[in-house]
Amino acid sequence: MDTHNIRLRVWDLPTRLFHWLLVASFITAFVTSESEKLRDIHVVAGYTLAGLLVFRLVWGFVGSGYSRFAQFLPTPQKLVDYLKSLMEGRPQHYVGHNPAGAVAIFLLLGCGLVASLSGWATYEDLGGHFMEELHEGAANGMMAIVVIHVAGVVVSSWLHQENLVLAMITGWKKAKGTKFQ
């Protein structure tokens, strides 16, 4: 079957809205984190981020096809095979998240939850200096993963000759040379 001209709806509207609202709330929280004057904005952005993460955890189990965690669970073997295919110059193509992207997603969810919970605890004066450090470390870890994720999107877009950012806006991807996993 010729898959070169097939377009697939991959990302549903709730997933796309979650993604871009998470981007906005994380950037807002991150850039306001050092300003006492902007503390209220930081807190609102943090609570927004936390609410979005709770939504995504639920949506990962009840959402549509490519949004479900079971669809893109990154087993060690899948990750190794995918990374090997990259090194060999013949990267495997996935309709949804590739295994490296899936790892990034789970790390982002984890860091986001730690940042949210430790931020709430810090705001409520619970846990003292340790909680502040945990909050800052989780946020910085999340930023590092975001940078790696964005780099991966750029490289993957180039390698597969597809605009992954546009796909996360419109929800549509082309199915050329795709592994339906």
C-alpha atoms as a PDB file:
ATOM      1  CA  MET A   1       0.000   0.000   0.000  1.00  0.00           C
ATOM      2  CA  ASP A   2       1.334   3.463  -0.940  1.00  0.00           C
ATOM      3  CA  THR A   3       1.424   5.451   2.278  1.00  0.00           C
ATOM      4  CA  HIS A   4       3.080   8.540   0.763  1.00  0.00           C
ATOM      5  CA  ASN A   5      -0.111  10.560   0.368  1.00  0.00           C
ATOM      6  CA  ILE A   6      -2.144   9.361   3.326  1.00  0.00           C
ATOM      7  CA  ARG A   7      -2.885  11.962   5.976  1.00  0.00           C
ATOM      8  CA  LEU A   8      -3.747  10.770   9.454  1.00  0.00           C
ATOM      9  CA  ARG A   9      -5.365  12.595  12.335  1.00  0.00           C
ATOM     10  CA  VAL A  10      -2.850  11.878  15.045  1.00  0.00           C
ATOM     11  CA  TRP A  11      -3.219  14.499  17.764  1.00  0.00           C
ATOM     12  CA  ASP A  12      -6.734  15.145  19.015  1.00  0.00           C
ATOM     13  CA  LEU A  13      -7.840  18.627  20.080  1.00  0.00           C
ATOM     14  CA  PRO A  14      -7.549  18.000  23.856  1.00  0.00           C
ATOM     15  CA  THR A  15      -3.952  16.770  23.433  1.00  0.00           C
ATOM     16  CA  ARG A  16      -3.003  19.744  21.264  1.00  0.00           C
ATOM     17  CA  LEU A  17      -4.624  22.240  23.634  1.00  0.00           C
ATOM     18  CA  PHE A  18      -2.902  20.567  26.582  1.00  0.00           C
ATOM     19  CA  HIS A  19       0.458  20.752  24.799  1.00  0.00           C
ATOM     20  CA  TRP A  20       0.322  24.458  23.932  1.00  0.00           C
ATOM     21  CA  LEU A  21      -1.234  25.498  27.246  1.00  0.00           C
ATOM     22  CA  LEU A  22       1.496  23.558  29.049  1.00  0.00           C
ATOM     23  CA  VAL A  23       4.121  25.365  26.961  1.00  0.00           C
ATOM     24  CA  ALA A  24       2.576  28.741  27.866  1.00  0.00           C
ATOM     25  CA  SER A  25       2.158  27.994  31.571  1.00  0.00           C
ATOM     26  CA  PHE A  26       5.657  26.524  31.933  1.00  0.00           C
ATOM     27  CA  ILE A  27       7.339  29.434  30.156  1.00  0.00           C
ATOM     28  CA  THR A  28       5.325  31.895  32.232  1.00  0.00           C
ATOM     29  CA  ALA A  29       6.192  30.134  35.484  1.00  0.00           C
ATOM     30  CA  PHE A  30       9.842  29.790  34.516  1.00  0.00           C
ATOM     31  CA  VAL A  31      10.408  33.427  33.511  1.00  0.00           C
ATOM     32  CA  THR A  32       8.576  34.797  36.572  1.00  0.00           C
ATOM     33  CA  SER A  33      10.299  32.506  39.069  1.00  0.00           C
ATOM     34  CA  GLU A  34      12.918  34.979  40.315  1.00  0.00           C
ATOM     35  CA  SER A  35      10.652  38.011  40.702  1.00  0.00           C
ATOM     36  CA  GLU A  36       8.915  38.712  43.993  1.00  0.00           C
ATOM     37  CA  LYS A  37       6.860  41.341  42.145  1.00  0.00           C
ATOM     38  CA  LEU A  38       5.553  38.674  39.712  1.00  0.00           C
ATOM     39  CA  ARG A  39       5.034  35.980  42.341  1.00  0.00           C
ATOM     40  CA  ASP A  40       1.249  35.880  41.872  1.00  0.00           C
ATOM     41  CA  ILE A  41       1.673  35.298  38.135  1.00  0.00           C
ATOM     42  CA  HIS A  42       4.206  32.558  38.892  1.00  0.00           C
ATOM     43  CA  VAL A  43       1.784  30.871  41.300  1.00  0.00           C
ATOM     44  CA  VAL A  44      -1.159  31.045  38.880  1.00  0.00           C
ATOM     45  CA  ALA A  45       1.027  29.645  36.082  1.00  0.00           C
ATOM     46  CA  GLY A  46       2.160  26.862  38.434  1.00  0.00           C
ATOM     47  CA  TYR A  47      -1.383  25.940  39.408  1.00  0.00           C
ATOM     48  CA  THR A  48      -2.368  26.007  35.742  1.00  0.00           C
ATOM     49  CA  LEU A  49       0.529  23.703  34.922  1.00  0.00           C
ATOM     50  CA  ALA A  50      -0.495  21.351  37.742  1.00  0.00           C
ATOM     51  CA  GLY A  51      -4.096  21.226  36.533  1.00  0.00           C
ATOM     52  CA  LEU A  52      -2.937  20.532  32.984  1.00  0.00           C
ATOM     53  CA  LEU A  53      -0.727  17.686  34.190  1.00  0.00           C
ATOM     54  CA  VAL A  54      -3.623  16.110  36.087  1.00  0.00           C
ATOM     55  CA  PHE A  55      -5.728  16.370  32.939  1.00  0.00           C
ATOM     56  CA  ARG A  56      -2.948  14.749  30.860  1.00  0.00           C
ATOM     57  CA  LEU A  57      -2.546  11.877  33.293  1.00  0.00           C
ATOM     58  CA  VAL A  58      -6.257  11.130  33.014  1.00  0.00           C
ATOM     59  CA  TRP A  59      -6.244  11.670  29.224  1.00  0.00           C
ATOM     60  CA  GLY A  60      -3.317   9.265  28.936  1.00  0.00           C
ATOM     61  CA  PHE A  61      -5.678   6.490  30.003  1.00  0.00           C
ATOM     62  CA  VAL A  62      -9.036   7.559  28.557  1.00  0.00           C
ATOM     63  CA  GLY A  63      -8.107   9.760  25.576  1.00  0.00           C
ATOM     64  CA  SER A  64      -8.073   8.856  21.922  1.00  0.00           C
ATOM     65  CA  GLY A  65      -5.577   6.482  20.247  1.00  0.00           C
ATOM     66  CA  TYR A  66      -2.238   8.287  20.012  1.00  0.00           C
ATOM     67  CA  SER A  67      -2.849  10.169  23.258  1.00  0.00           C
ATOM     68  CA  ARG A  68      -2.959   7.013  25.347  1.00  0.00           C
ATOM     69  CA  PHE A  69       0.161   6.073  27.274  1.00  0.00           C
ATOM     70  CA  ALA A  70      -0.237   2.429  26.275  1.00  0.00           C
ATOM     71  CA  GLN A  71       0.178   3.440  22.627  1.00  0.00           C
ATOM     72  CA  PHE A  72       3.644   4.933  23.137  1.00  0.00           C
ATOM     73  CA  LEU A  73       5.038   3.208  26.214  1.00  0.00           C
ATOM     74  CA  PRO A  74       8.818   3.278  25.619  1.00  0.00           C
ATOM     75  CA  THR A  75      10.145  -0.186  26.421  1.00  0.00           C
ATOM     76  CA  PRO A  76      13.934  -0.434  26.701  1.00  0.00           C
ATOM     77  CA  GLN A  77      14.081  -2.564  23.531  1.00  0.00           C
ATOM     78  CA  LYS A  78      12.009  -0.080  21.512  1.00  0.00           C
ATOM     79  CA  LEU A  79      14.234   2.748  22.712  1.00  0.00           C
ATOM     80  CA  VAL A  80      17.449   0.887  21.835  1.00  0.00           C
ATOM     81  CA  ASP A  81      16.101  -0.099  18.410  1.00  0.00           C
ATOM     82  CA  TYR A  82      15.016   3.451  17.691  1.00  0.00           C
ATOM     83  CA  LEU A  83      18.343   4.961  18.780  1.00  0.00           C
ATOM     84  CA  LYS A  84      20.203   2.359  16.672  1.00  0.00           C
ATOM     85  CA  SER A  85      18.095   3.300  13.645  1.00  0.00           C
ATOM     86  CA  LEU A  86      19.066   6.944  14.200  1.00  0.00           C
ATOM     87  CA  MET A  87      22.760   6.079  14.428  1.00  0.00           C
ATOM     88  CA  GLU A  88      22.553   3.980  11.268  1.00  0.00           C
ATOM     89  CA  GLY A  89      20.975   6.875   9.373  1.00  0.00           C
ATOM     90  CA  ARG A  90      17.706   5.005   8.779  1.00  0.00           C
ATOM     91  CA  PRO A  91      15.483   6.344  11.545  1.00  0.00           C
ATOM     92  CA  GLN A  92      12.297   4.449  12.208  1.00  0.00           C
ATOM     93  CA  HIS A  93       9.222   6.588  11.627  1.00  0.00           C
ATOM     94  CA  TYR A  94       6.299   6.533  14.025  1.00  0.00           C
ATOM     95  CA  VAL A  95       2.857   7.993  13.538  1.00  0.00           C
ATOM     96  CA  GLY A  96       2.657   9.013  17.190  1.00  0.00           C
ATOM     97  CA  HIS A  97       5.533   9.493  19.579  1.00  0.00           C
ATOM     98  CA  ASN A  98       8.792   7.721  18.826  1.00  0.00           C
ATOM     99  CA  PRO A  99      10.407   5.967  21.814  1.00  0.00           C
ATOM    100  CA  ALA A 100      12.843   8.823  22.523  1.00  0.00           C
ATOM    101  CA  GLY A 101       9.991  11.335  22.435  1.00  0.00           C
ATOM    102  CA  ALA A 102       7.977   9.085  24.715  1.00  0.00           C
ATOM    103  CA  VAL A 103      10.799   9.037  27.271  1.00  0.00           C
ATOM    104  CA  ALA A 104      10.890  12.841  27.122  1.00  0.00           C
ATOM    105  CA  ILE A 105       7.129  13.011  27.695  1.00  0.00           C
ATOM    106  CA  PHE A 106       7.225  10.796  30.762  1.00  0.00           C
ATOM    107  CA  LEU A 107      10.189  12.758  32.150  1.00  0.00           C
ATOM    108  CA  LEU A 108       8.363  16.048  31.516  1.00  0.00           C
ATOM    109  CA  LEU A 109       5.265  14.740  33.279  1.00  0.00           C
ATOM    110  CA  GLY A 110       7.344  13.543  36.229  1.00  0.00           C
ATOM    111  CA  CYS A 111       9.375  16.739  36.576  1.00  0.00           C
ATOM    112  CA  GLY A 112       6.227  18.812  36.155  1.00  0.00           C
ATOM    113  CA  LEU A 113       4.452  16.928  38.926  1.00  0.00           C
ATOM    114  CA  VAL A 114       7.448  17.266  41.273  1.00  0.00           C
ATOM    115  CA  ALA A 115       7.755  20.980  40.424  1.00  0.00           C
ATOM    116  CA  SER A 116       4.022  21.498  40.987  1.00  0.00           C
ATOM    117  CA  LEU A 117       3.846  19.669  44.296  1.00  0.00           C
ATOM    118  CA  SER A 118       7.063  21.160  45.658  1.00  0.00           C
ATOM    119  CA  GLY A 119       5.977  24.620  44.467  1.00  0.00           C
ATOM    120  CA  TRP A 120       2.692  24.261  46.315  1.00  0.00           C
ATOM    121  CA  ALA A 121       4.540  23.072  49.430  1.00  0.00           C
ATOM    122  CA  THR A 122       6.960  25.995  49.200  1.00  0.00           C
ATOM    123  CA  TYR A 123       4.087  28.463  48.783  1.00  0.00           C
ATOM    124  CA  GLU A 124       2.417  26.977  51.873  1.00  0.00           C
ATOM    125  CA  ASP A 125       5.736  27.189  53.816  1.00  0.00           C
ATOM    126  CA  LEU A 126       5.999  23.407  54.092  1.00  0.00           C
ATOM    127  CA  GLY A 127       9.318  21.602  53.852  1.00  0.00           C
ATOM    128  CA  GLY A 128      11.567  24.629  54.187  1.00  0.00           C
ATOM    129  CA  HIS A 129      14.727  25.069  52.158  1.00  0.00           C
ATOM    130  CA  PHE A 130      14.683  21.456  50.952  1.00  0.00           C
ATOM    131  CA  MET A 131      11.318  21.958  49.248  1.00  0.00           C
ATOM    132  CA  GLU A 132      12.511  25.195  47.623  1.00  0.00           C
ATOM    133  CA  GLU A 133      15.583  23.424  46.258  1.00  0.00           C
ATOM    134  CA  LEU A 134      13.489  20.484  45.048  1.00  0.00           C
ATOM    135  CA  HIS A 135      11.130  22.916  43.307  1.00  0.00           C
ATOM    136  CA  GLU A 136      13.979  24.752  41.584  1.00  0.00           C
ATOM    137  CA  GLY A 137      15.737  21.508  40.645  1.00  0.00           C
ATOM    138  CA  ALA A 138      12.575  19.999  39.155  1.00  0.00           C
ATOM    139  CA  ALA A 139      11.855  23.181  37.176  1.00  0.00           C
ATOM    140  CA  ASN A 140      15.429  23.329  35.875  1.00  0.00           C
ATOM    141  CA  GLY A 141      15.291  19.625  35.023  1.00  0.00           C
ATOM    142  CA  MET A 142      12.048  20.221  33.164  1.00  0.00           C
ATOM    143  CA  MET A 143      13.650  23.082  31.221  1.00  0.00           C
ATOM    144  CA  ALA A 144      16.577  20.831  30.265  1.00  0.00           C
ATOM    145  CA  ILE A 145      14.164  18.173  29.007  1.00  0.00           C
ATOM    146  CA  VAL A 146      12.188  20.835  27.108  1.00  0.00           C
ATOM    147  CA  VAL A 147      15.382  21.933  25.335  1.00  0.00           C
ATOM    148  CA  ILE A 148      16.213  18.325  24.430  1.00  0.00           C
ATOM    149  CA  HIS A 149      12.610  17.723  23.333  1.00  0.00           C
ATOM    150  CA  VAL A 150      12.603  20.782  21.067  1.00  0.00           C
ATOM    151  CA  ALA A 151      15.957  19.727  19.594  1.00  0.00           C
ATOM    152  CA  GLY A 152      14.534  16.251  18.992  1.00  0.00           C
ATOM    153  CA  VAL A 153      11.503  17.723  17.243  1.00  0.00           C
ATOM    154  CA  VAL A 154      13.738  19.810  14.978  1.00  0.00           C
ATOM    155  CA  VAL A 155      16.016  16.857  14.142  1.00  0.00           C
ATOM    156  CA  SER A 156      13.120  14.445  13.662  1.00  0.00           C
ATOM    157  CA  SER A 157      11.282  16.949  11.463  1.00  0.00           C
ATOM    158  CA  TRP A 158      14.394  17.253   9.311  1.00  0.00           C
ATOM    159  CA  LEU A 159      15.156  13.514   9.172  1.00  0.00           C
ATOM    160  CA  HIS A 160      11.590  12.566   8.269  1.00  0.00           C
ATOM    161  CA  GLN A 161      10.871  15.626   6.144  1.00  0.00           C
ATOM    162  CA  GLU A 162       7.736  16.481   8.119  1.00  0.00           C
ATOM    163  CA  ASN A 163       6.746  19.489  10.161  1.00  0.00           C
ATOM    164  CA  LEU A 164       6.076  18.118  13.631  1.00  0.00           C
ATOM    165  CA  VAL A 165       5.258  21.548  15.051  1.00  0.00           C
ATOM    166  CA  LEU A 166       2.559  21.994  12.404  1.00  0.00           C
ATOM    167  CA  ALA A 167       1.277  18.503  13.223  1.00  0.00           C
ATOM    168  CA  MET A 168       0.923  19.523  16.876  1.00  0.00           C
ATOM    169  CA  ILE A 169      -1.053  22.573  15.737  1.00  0.00           C
ATOM    170  CA  THR A 170      -3.323  20.918  13.159  1.00  0.00           C
ATOM    171  CA  GLY A 171      -3.341  17.331  14.461  1.00  0.00           C
ATOM    172  CA  TRP A 172      -2.503  15.877  11.020  1.00  0.00           C
ATOM    173  CA  LYS A 173       0.574  13.940   9.900  1.00  0.00           C
ATOM    174  CA  LYS A 174       1.561  12.184   6.692  1.00  0.00           C
ATOM    175  CA  ALA A 175       1.928   8.399   6.917  1.00  0.00           C
ATOM    176  CA  LYS A 176       4.910   7.977   4.562  1.00  0.00           C
ATOM    177  CA  GLY A 177       7.254   5.139   5.536  1.00  0.00           C
ATOM    178  CA  THR A 178       5.521   4.795   8.869  1.00  0.00           C
ATOM    179  CA  LYS A 179       5.710   2.038  11.430  1.00  0.00           C
ATOM    180  CA  PHE A 180       2.165   1.753  12.718  1.00  0.00           C
ATOM    181  CA  GLN A 181       2.997   1.311  16.384  1.00  0.00           C
END
